[in-house]
Amino acid sequence: MPKPDRYQNRIELLQGTLDLLILQTLCWGAQHGYAISNSIRSGSGDLLQVETGSLYPALHRLEKRGWIQSEWRLTENSQRAKYYSLTIAGRAQLIAERDRWDQFSKAMEGMLNRGAEGDPA
């Protein structure tokens, strides 16, 4: 009997969308990496799952660009964890990324609905 594929219902993230998802998640407050990953998974109805191999390099990249900052704190379970939060530049970047996503989404919607509306190619 074939083993079920744990990635069967997963949706591949488009390049650049992970940064937007992280910035949006941190907009709601400082979080450690595991919480960011859980927030993305639960907020997407389990369709978007970010592996640690993608998440932590992205967090490092965003911190290097000055869009997020980090500090060590204790979790609710008294474990030491690195918490990430948005900087002022990160909030501005989130607004810019959201605008770009809206434009992309509208462009895709226009293309996908073009035939349904009977527009000529």
N, C-alpha and C. Protein backbone atom coordinates (compact mmCIF):
# COMPACT_ATOMS: atom_id res chain seq x y z
N MET A 1 0.85 -1.18 0.00
CA MET A 1 0.00 0.00 0.00
C MET A 1 0.89 1.24 0.00
N PRO A 2 0.65 2.17 -0.92
CA PRO A 2 1.50 3.36 -0.99
C PRO A 2 1.31 4.24 0.25
N LYS A 3 2.41 4.83 0.65
CA LYS A 3 2.42 5.72 1.81
C LYS A 3 1.78 7.05 1.41
N PRO A 4 0.88 7.60 2.25
CA PRO A 4 0.29 8.90 1.88
C PRO A 4 1.35 9.99 1.83
N ASP A 5 1.22 10.82 0.84
CA ASP A 5 2.17 11.92 0.67
C ASP A 5 1.76 13.07 1.58
N ARG A 6 2.63 13.40 2.56
CA ARG A 6 2.27 14.46 3.51
C ARG A 6 2.21 15.83 2.85
N TYR A 7 2.75 15.94 1.67
CA TYR A 7 2.74 17.22 0.97
C TYR A 7 1.65 17.28 -0.11
N GLN A 8 0.79 16.26 -0.15
CA GLN A 8 -0.19 16.14 -1.21
C GLN A 8 -1.06 17.39 -1.38
N ASN A 9 -1.54 17.96 -0.31
CA ASN A 9 -2.45 19.10 -0.41
C ASN A 9 -1.76 20.44 -0.23
N ARG A 10 -0.46 20.41 -0.17
CA ARG A 10 0.29 21.63 0.03
C ARG A 10 0.31 22.47 -1.23
N ILE A 11 0.32 23.74 -1.07
CA ILE A 11 0.45 24.66 -2.20
C ILE A 11 1.84 25.25 -2.17
N GLU A 12 2.52 25.18 -3.27
CA GLU A 12 3.86 25.76 -3.35
C GLU A 12 3.75 27.28 -3.28
N LEU A 13 4.60 27.88 -2.49
CA LEU A 13 4.61 29.34 -2.39
C LEU A 13 5.31 29.94 -3.60
N LEU A 14 4.74 31.00 -4.12
CA LEU A 14 5.40 31.73 -5.19
C LEU A 14 6.60 32.45 -4.60
N GLN A 15 7.60 32.64 -5.43
CA GLN A 15 8.79 33.33 -4.97
C GLN A 15 8.42 34.72 -4.46
N GLY A 16 8.88 35.06 -3.29
CA GLY A 16 8.60 36.37 -2.70
C GLY A 16 7.41 36.38 -1.77
N THR A 17 6.55 35.35 -1.85
CA THR A 17 5.37 35.37 -1.00
C THR A 17 5.70 35.02 0.45
N LEU A 18 6.78 34.28 0.68
CA LEU A 18 7.15 33.94 2.05
C LEU A 18 7.49 35.22 2.82
N ASP A 19 8.21 36.14 2.20
CA ASP A 19 8.53 37.40 2.87
C ASP A 19 7.25 38.14 3.25
N LEU A 20 6.31 38.20 2.33
CA LEU A 20 5.03 38.87 2.61
C LEU A 20 4.31 38.18 3.77
N LEU A 21 4.27 36.86 3.76
CA LEU A 21 3.59 36.12 4.83
C LEU A 21 4.25 36.37 6.19
N ILE A 22 5.55 36.40 6.22
CA ILE A 22 6.26 36.65 7.48
C ILE A 22 5.99 38.07 7.97
N LEU A 23 6.10 39.05 7.07
CA LEU A 23 5.85 40.44 7.46
C LEU A 23 4.43 40.61 7.97
N GLN A 24 3.47 39.99 7.27
CA GLN A 24 2.07 40.09 7.70
C GLN A 24 1.88 39.44 9.08
N THR A 25 2.49 38.30 9.30
CA THR A 25 2.36 37.60 10.59
C THR A 25 2.95 38.45 11.71
N LEU A 26 4.07 39.09 11.46
CA LEU A 26 4.71 39.90 12.50
C LEU A 26 3.98 41.23 12.71
N CYS A 27 3.11 41.60 11.78
CA CYS A 27 2.30 42.80 11.94
C CYS A 27 1.38 42.66 13.16
N TRP A 28 1.06 41.42 13.53
CA TRP A 28 0.16 41.17 14.66
C TRP A 28 0.91 41.09 15.98
N GLY A 29 2.25 41.24 15.94
CA GLY A 29 3.03 41.21 17.17
C GLY A 29 4.27 40.34 17.04
N ALA A 30 5.20 40.52 17.98
CA ALA A 30 6.45 39.75 17.95
C ALA A 30 6.16 38.26 18.17
N GLN A 31 6.89 37.43 17.41
CA GLN A 31 6.70 35.98 17.52
C GLN A 31 8.04 35.29 17.27
N HIS A 32 8.18 34.09 17.82
CA HIS A 32 9.36 33.28 17.52
C HIS A 32 9.08 32.46 16.26
N GLY A 33 10.12 31.87 15.72
CA GLY A 33 10.01 31.18 14.44
C GLY A 33 8.93 30.11 14.39
N TYR A 34 8.86 29.29 15.42
CA TYR A 34 7.85 28.23 15.43
C TYR A 34 6.44 28.82 15.39
N ALA A 35 6.22 29.89 16.14
CA ALA A 35 4.90 30.53 16.16
C ALA A 35 4.58 31.16 14.80
N ILE A 36 5.58 31.72 14.14
CA ILE A 36 5.36 32.29 12.80
C ILE A 36 4.92 31.19 11.84
N SER A 37 5.62 30.07 11.87
CA SER A 37 5.29 28.94 11.01
C SER A 37 3.88 28.44 11.29
N ASN A 38 3.53 28.30 12.57
CA ASN A 38 2.18 27.84 12.94
C ASN A 38 1.12 28.84 12.52
N SER A 39 1.42 30.12 12.64
CA SER A 39 0.45 31.14 12.27
C SER A 39 0.15 31.08 10.76
N ILE A 40 1.19 30.89 9.97
CA ILE A 40 1.01 30.80 8.51
C ILE A 40 0.20 29.54 8.18
N ARG A 41 0.54 28.43 8.81
CA ARG A 41 -0.18 27.17 8.56
C ARG A 41 -1.64 27.28 8.96
N SER A 42 -1.90 27.72 10.18
CA SER A 42 -3.28 27.77 10.66
C SER A 42 -4.08 28.85 9.93
N GLY A 43 -3.45 29.98 9.63
CA GLY A 43 -4.14 31.06 8.93
C GLY A 43 -4.52 30.71 7.51
N SER A 44 -3.84 29.72 6.94
CA SER A 44 -4.13 29.32 5.56
C SER A 44 -4.94 28.02 5.52
N GLY A 45 -5.47 27.61 6.65
CA GLY A 45 -6.26 26.37 6.67
C GLY A 45 -5.40 25.15 6.38
N ASP A 46 -4.16 25.18 6.83
CA ASP A 46 -3.19 24.08 6.65
C ASP A 46 -2.70 23.91 5.22
N LEU A 47 -3.02 24.84 4.32
CA LEU A 47 -2.56 24.71 2.93
C LEU A 47 -1.13 25.20 2.75
N LEU A 48 -0.73 26.20 3.52
CA LEU A 48 0.62 26.73 3.40
C LEU A 48 1.43 26.28 4.61
N GLN A 49 2.45 25.50 4.35
CA GLN A 49 3.31 25.03 5.42
C GLN A 49 4.74 25.42 5.10
N VAL A 50 5.35 26.13 6.01
CA VAL A 50 6.70 26.63 5.80
C VAL A 50 7.67 25.76 6.58
N GLU A 51 8.59 25.16 5.88
CA GLU A 51 9.60 24.31 6.52
C GLU A 51 10.66 25.21 7.14
N THR A 52 11.29 24.70 8.18
CA THR A 52 12.33 25.47 8.87
C THR A 52 13.48 25.82 7.92
N GLY A 53 13.74 24.96 6.95
CA GLY A 53 14.80 25.21 5.99
C GLY A 53 14.52 26.42 5.10
N SER A 54 13.28 26.83 5.02
CA SER A 54 12.91 28.03 4.26
C SER A 54 12.68 29.21 5.20
N LEU A 55 12.08 28.93 6.36
CA LEU A 55 11.70 30.01 7.27
C LEU A 55 12.89 30.76 7.84
N TYR A 56 13.85 30.02 8.40
CA TYR A 56 14.94 30.71 9.09
C TYR A 56 15.87 31.48 8.14
N PRO A 57 16.16 30.97 6.95
CA PRO A 57 16.92 31.82 6.01
C PRO A 57 16.14 33.09 5.63
N ALA A 58 14.81 32.97 5.51
CA ALA A 58 14.00 34.15 5.18
C ALA A 58 14.04 35.15 6.34
N LEU A 59 13.93 34.65 7.57
CA LEU A 59 14.00 35.56 8.73
C LEU A 59 15.35 36.26 8.77
N HIS A 60 16.39 35.52 8.51
CA HIS A 60 17.73 36.11 8.50
C HIS A 60 17.85 37.18 7.41
N ARG A 61 17.30 36.87 6.23
CA ARG A 61 17.35 37.81 5.10
C ARG A 61 16.56 39.10 5.43
N LEU A 62 15.37 38.94 6.02
CA LEU A 62 14.54 40.10 6.35
C LEU A 62 15.19 40.95 7.44
N GLU A 63 15.86 40.28 8.38
CA GLU A 63 16.56 41.02 9.44
C GLU A 63 17.74 41.78 8.86
N LYS A 64 18.45 41.15 7.93
CA LYS A 64 19.60 41.80 7.30
C LYS A 64 19.17 43.03 6.50
N ARG A 65 17.97 42.99 5.94
CA ARG A 65 17.46 44.14 5.18
C ARG A 65 16.89 45.23 6.07
N GLY A 66 16.80 44.95 7.37
CA GLY A 66 16.31 45.95 8.32
C GLY A 66 14.80 45.98 8.44
N TRP A 67 14.11 44.97 7.92
CA TRP A 67 12.65 44.95 7.96
C TRP A 67 12.11 44.30 9.23
N ILE A 68 12.93 43.48 9.86
CA ILE A 68 12.55 42.90 11.15
C ILE A 68 13.75 42.98 12.08
N GLN A 69 13.47 42.87 13.36
CA GLN A 69 14.55 42.82 14.36
C GLN A 69 14.25 41.66 15.29
N SER A 70 15.26 41.22 16.01
CA SER A 70 15.06 40.06 16.89
C SER A 70 15.66 40.32 18.26
N GLU A 71 15.14 39.60 19.21
CA GLU A 71 15.70 39.63 20.56
C GLU A 71 15.36 38.29 21.23
N TRP A 72 16.24 37.87 22.14
CA TRP A 72 16.01 36.62 22.86
C TRP A 72 15.08 36.89 24.03
N ARG A 73 14.08 36.02 24.18
CA ARG A 73 13.13 36.12 25.29
C ARG A 73 12.79 34.71 25.75
N LEU A 74 12.05 34.63 26.84
CA LEU A 74 11.54 33.34 27.30
C LEU A 74 10.13 33.15 26.75
N THR A 75 9.83 31.93 26.32
CA THR A 75 8.50 31.62 25.83
C THR A 75 7.57 31.41 27.02
N GLU A 76 6.30 31.18 26.72
CA GLU A 76 5.33 30.89 27.78
C GLU A 76 5.68 29.60 28.53
N ASN A 77 6.51 28.76 27.91
CA ASN A 77 6.98 27.52 28.55
C ASN A 77 8.37 27.69 29.18
N SER A 78 8.77 28.93 29.36
CA SER A 78 10.06 29.27 29.97
C SER A 78 11.25 28.73 29.19
N GLN A 79 11.11 28.64 27.88
CA GLN A 79 12.22 28.26 27.04
C GLN A 79 12.73 29.50 26.31
N ARG A 80 14.02 29.53 26.13
CA ARG A 80 14.64 30.67 25.46
C ARG A 80 14.39 30.58 23.96
N ALA A 81 13.90 31.66 23.36
CA ALA A 81 13.62 31.67 21.92
C ALA A 81 13.88 33.07 21.37
N LYS A 82 14.21 33.11 20.11
CA LYS A 82 14.45 34.39 19.43
C LYS A 82 13.11 34.90 18.90
N TYR A 83 12.71 36.06 19.36
CA TYR A 83 11.46 36.67 18.92
C TYR A 83 11.77 37.71 17.86
N TYR A 84 10.94 37.72 16.83
CA TYR A 84 11.10 38.65 15.73
C TYR A 84 9.95 39.66 15.75
N SER A 85 10.26 40.89 15.39
CA SER A 85 9.22 41.93 15.30
C SER A 85 9.52 42.84 14.11
N LEU A 86 8.47 43.52 13.66
CA LEU A 86 8.62 44.43 12.52
C LEU A 86 9.32 45.71 12.95
N THR A 87 10.13 46.25 12.08
CA THR A 87 10.70 47.58 12.27
C THR A 87 9.81 48.57 11.51
N ILE A 88 10.10 49.84 11.64
CA ILE A 88 9.34 50.85 10.87
C ILE A 88 9.52 50.61 9.38
N ALA A 89 10.76 50.30 8.98
CA ALA A 89 11.01 49.99 7.56
C ALA A 89 10.25 48.73 7.14
N GLY A 90 10.11 47.77 8.05
CA GLY A 90 9.37 46.54 7.76
C GLY A 90 7.89 46.81 7.55
N ARG A 91 7.34 47.74 8.34
CA ARG A 91 5.92 48.09 8.15
C ARG A 91 5.72 48.74 6.78
N ALA A 92 6.65 49.60 6.38
CA ALA A 92 6.56 50.24 5.06
C ALA A 92 6.69 49.18 3.96
N GLN A 93 7.59 48.21 4.17
CA GLN A 93 7.78 47.15 3.19
C GLN A 93 6.53 46.28 3.08
N LEU A 94 5.89 46.02 4.22
CA LEU A 94 4.65 45.23 4.21
C LEU A 94 3.59 45.92 3.37
N ILE A 95 3.45 47.23 3.51
CA ILE A 95 2.47 47.98 2.71
C ILE A 95 2.81 47.86 1.23
N ALA A 96 4.10 48.01 0.89
CA ALA A 96 4.52 47.90 -0.51
C ALA A 96 4.28 46.50 -1.05
N GLU A 97 4.60 45.48 -0.24
CA GLU A 97 4.41 44.08 -0.67
C GLU A 97 2.92 43.77 -0.87
N ARG A 98 2.09 44.28 0.03
CA ARG A 98 0.64 44.05 -0.09
C ARG A 98 0.10 44.72 -1.36
N ASP A 99 0.58 45.93 -1.68
CA ASP A 99 0.16 46.60 -2.91
C ASP A 99 0.54 45.78 -4.14
N ARG A 100 1.79 45.27 -4.12
CA ARG A 100 2.24 44.44 -5.25
C ARG A 100 1.40 43.17 -5.36
N TRP A 101 1.07 42.56 -4.21
CA TRP A 101 0.27 41.34 -4.22
C TRP A 101 -1.12 41.63 -4.77
N ASP A 102 -1.72 42.76 -4.38
CA ASP A 102 -3.04 43.13 -4.90
C ASP A 102 -3.00 43.30 -6.41
N GLN A 103 -1.94 43.94 -6.92
CA GLN A 103 -1.81 44.12 -8.38
C GLN A 103 -1.68 42.76 -9.07
N PHE A 104 -0.85 41.89 -8.50
CA PHE A 104 -0.66 40.56 -9.08
C PHE A 104 -1.97 39.78 -9.07
N SER A 105 -2.67 39.84 -7.94
CA SER A 105 -3.93 39.12 -7.80
C SER A 105 -4.97 39.60 -8.81
N LYS A 106 -5.06 40.91 -8.99
CA LYS A 106 -6.01 41.48 -9.97
C LYS A 106 -5.62 41.08 -11.39
N ALA A 107 -4.33 41.08 -11.68
CA ALA A 107 -3.87 40.68 -13.01
C ALA A 107 -4.22 39.21 -13.28
N MET A 108 -3.98 38.36 -12.30
CA MET A 108 -4.30 36.93 -12.47
C MET A 108 -5.81 36.74 -12.63
N GLU A 109 -6.58 37.44 -11.81
CA GLU A 109 -8.03 37.32 -11.89
C GLU A 109 -8.52 37.76 -13.27
N GLY A 110 -7.93 38.86 -13.77
CA GLY A 110 -8.32 39.33 -15.09
C GLY A 110 -8.02 38.31 -16.17
N MET A 111 -6.85 37.69 -16.08
CA MET A 111 -6.49 36.69 -17.07
C MET A 111 -7.36 35.45 -16.97
N LEU A 112 -7.60 34.98 -15.76
CA LEU A 112 -8.37 33.75 -15.58
C LEU A 112 -9.84 33.92 -15.93
N ASN A 113 -10.36 35.11 -15.79
CA ASN A 113 -11.77 35.35 -16.09
C ASN A 113 -12.00 35.91 -17.49
N ARG A 114 -10.94 36.13 -18.21
CA ARG A 114 -11.05 36.73 -19.54
C ARG A 114 -11.91 35.89 -20.48
N GLY A 115 -11.65 34.59 -20.52
CA GLY A 115 -12.42 33.72 -21.42
C GLY A 115 -13.86 33.57 -20.95
N ALA A 116 -14.06 33.57 -19.64
CA ALA A 116 -15.40 33.39 -19.09
C ALA A 116 -16.30 34.57 -19.42
N GLU A 117 -15.70 35.74 -19.58
CA GLU A 117 -16.49 36.93 -19.89
C GLU A 117 -16.69 37.10 -21.38
N GLY A 118 -16.07 36.24 -22.17
CA GLY A 118 -16.24 36.30 -23.61
C GLY A 118 -15.36 37.34 -24.30
N ASP A 119 -14.37 37.87 -23.58
CA ASP A 119 -13.46 38.83 -24.21
C ASP A 119 -12.63 38.13 -25.28
N PRO A 120 -12.40 38.79 -26.38
CA PRO A 120 -11.52 38.19 -27.39
C PRO A 120 -10.07 38.18 -26.89
N ALA A 121 -9.32 37.22 -27.35
CA ALA A 121 -7.92 37.08 -26.94
C ALA A 121 -7.07 38.17 -27.52
